[in-house]
Amino acid sequence: MLNFADLKAKAEALEKEKGLPFLAKDGKELLLRPLLHLSKTELKNALALVSVIEDDKASLEARLNAADQILAIAASRTRAMKDSLDDLPPEMGMEIFRTWMEAAQGPEASDSTS
């Protein structure tokens, strides 16, 4: 029989396995959770921001802002992520974003030999 507590525990274990740990500006670790491990509301908001990033007509500033907002949504500690991003150049924010996206894909993407 399936039960909520078991499913919640499994989801939390997968978050830790597929999420990206990040040492924030405050010196404490936070977890950037994979998109599919966000709540329905968080996922809806993140996907709306993904469309901004993918929009060729959006300004660079809008795209960078959207990436930062997605990272804040995905972070287990939103304020700490925002504070960290505010004090980093945009290029470093994009590096975090790319690394987070790659971590969520898992090792099978990098193990391809073709």
Protein backbone atom coordinates (compact mmCIF):
# COMPACT_ATOMS: atom_id res chain seq x y z
CA MET A 1 0.00 0.00 0.00
CA LEU A 2 1.23 3.50 -0.82
CA ASN A 3 1.16 6.09 1.91
CA PHE A 4 1.95 9.78 2.10
CA ALA A 5 4.79 9.53 4.65
CA ASP A 6 6.68 6.94 2.58
CA LEU A 7 6.25 8.93 -0.64
CA LYS A 8 7.36 12.16 1.07
CA ALA A 9 10.47 10.43 2.46
CA LYS A 10 11.29 9.00 -0.97
CA ALA A 11 10.85 12.43 -2.59
CA GLU A 12 13.16 14.04 -0.03
CA ALA A 13 15.82 11.37 -0.59
CA LEU A 14 15.64 11.94 -4.36
CA GLU A 15 15.90 15.70 -3.83
CA LYS A 16 19.17 15.23 -1.99
CA GLU A 17 20.44 12.74 -4.57
CA LYS A 18 19.62 14.85 -7.63
CA GLY A 19 19.80 18.32 -6.10
CA LEU A 20 22.84 20.56 -6.14
CA PRO A 21 24.32 21.57 -2.78
CA PHE A 22 25.48 25.19 -2.73
CA LEU A 23 27.47 26.95 -0.04
CA ALA A 24 25.74 30.32 0.20
CA LYS A 25 27.20 33.72 1.00
CA ASP A 26 26.23 33.24 4.67
CA GLY A 27 28.52 30.20 4.87
CA LYS A 28 25.64 27.73 5.22
CA GLU A 29 24.69 25.08 2.72
CA LEU A 30 21.44 25.12 0.81
CA LEU A 31 20.05 22.66 -1.71
CA LEU A 32 19.01 23.60 -5.23
CA ARG A 33 16.19 21.14 -5.78
CA PRO A 34 15.46 19.63 -9.21
CA LEU A 35 12.52 21.20 -11.05
CA LEU A 36 10.40 18.08 -10.74
CA HIS A 37 10.83 18.14 -6.96
CA LEU A 38 9.30 21.58 -6.53
CA SER A 39 5.75 22.09 -5.30
CA LYS A 40 3.11 22.56 -7.99
CA THR A 41 3.06 26.33 -7.42
CA GLU A 42 6.86 26.59 -7.44
CA LEU A 43 7.04 24.51 -10.62
CA LYS A 44 4.41 26.65 -12.35
CA ASN A 45 6.36 29.81 -11.47
CA ALA A 46 9.68 28.29 -12.54
CA LEU A 47 8.29 27.09 -15.88
CA ALA A 48 6.95 30.57 -16.61
CA LEU A 49 10.48 31.87 -16.05
CA VAL A 50 11.96 29.15 -18.29
CA SER A 51 9.87 30.56 -21.13
CA VAL A 52 11.54 33.96 -20.55
CA ILE A 53 14.99 32.37 -20.75
CA GLU A 54 14.07 30.60 -23.99
CA ASP A 55 12.50 33.71 -25.56
CA ASP A 56 14.94 35.01 -28.19
CA LYS A 57 13.21 38.40 -28.08
CA ALA A 58 13.74 38.84 -24.32
CA SER A 59 16.56 41.12 -23.27
CA LEU A 60 19.71 39.69 -21.74
CA GLU A 61 18.79 41.37 -18.46
CA ALA A 62 15.36 39.71 -18.45
CA ARG A 63 16.90 36.32 -19.16
CA LEU A 64 19.52 36.68 -16.42
CA ASN A 65 16.84 37.84 -14.00
CA ALA A 66 14.69 34.84 -14.85
CA ALA A 67 17.59 32.44 -14.23
CA ASP A 68 18.23 34.06 -10.83
CA GLN A 69 14.56 33.80 -9.93
CA ILE A 70 14.44 30.12 -10.89
CA LEU A 71 17.46 29.43 -8.68
CA ALA A 72 15.76 31.25 -5.79
CA ILE A 73 12.60 29.17 -6.28
CA ALA A 74 14.61 25.94 -6.40
CA ALA A 75 16.69 26.81 -3.33
CA SER A 76 15.85 25.27 0.02
CA ARG A 77 16.72 28.67 1.51
CA THR A 78 15.35 31.32 -0.86
CA ARG A 79 16.68 34.42 0.91
CA ALA A 80 20.21 32.98 1.19
CA MET A 81 20.21 32.17 -2.54
CA LYS A 82 18.97 35.65 -3.47
CA ASP A 83 21.58 37.30 -1.25
CA SER A 84 24.33 35.17 -2.80
CA LEU A 85 23.23 35.95 -6.36
CA ASP A 86 22.95 39.67 -5.61
CA ASP A 87 26.65 39.78 -4.74
CA LEU A 88 27.90 37.74 -7.71
CA PRO A 89 28.41 38.91 -11.28
CA PRO A 90 25.74 37.62 -13.69
CA GLU A 91 28.22 35.25 -15.32
CA MET A 92 28.66 33.39 -12.01
CA GLY A 93 24.89 33.19 -11.56
CA MET A 94 24.66 31.57 -14.98
CA GLU A 95 27.41 29.13 -14.00
CA ILE A 96 25.35 28.09 -10.97
CA PHE A 97 22.27 27.77 -13.20
CA ARG A 98 24.08 25.59 -15.78
CA THR A 99 25.63 23.38 -13.10
CA TRP A 100 22.25 22.96 -11.41
CA MET A 101 20.58 21.98 -14.69
CA GLU A 102 23.34 19.46 -15.45
CA ALA A 103 23.11 17.97 -11.93
CA ALA A 104 19.37 17.44 -12.37
CA GLN A 105 19.96 15.47 -15.58
CA GLY A 106 21.94 12.85 -13.71
CA PRO A 107 25.01 10.86 -14.71
CA GLU A 108 23.44 9.08 -17.69
CA ALA A 109 23.81 12.22 -19.81
CA SER A 110 27.56 12.37 -19.25
CA ASP A 111 28.13 8.62 -19.62
CA SER A 112 27.10 8.60 -23.28
CA THR A 113 29.83 7.31 -25.56
CA SER A 114 28.16 8.07 -28.87
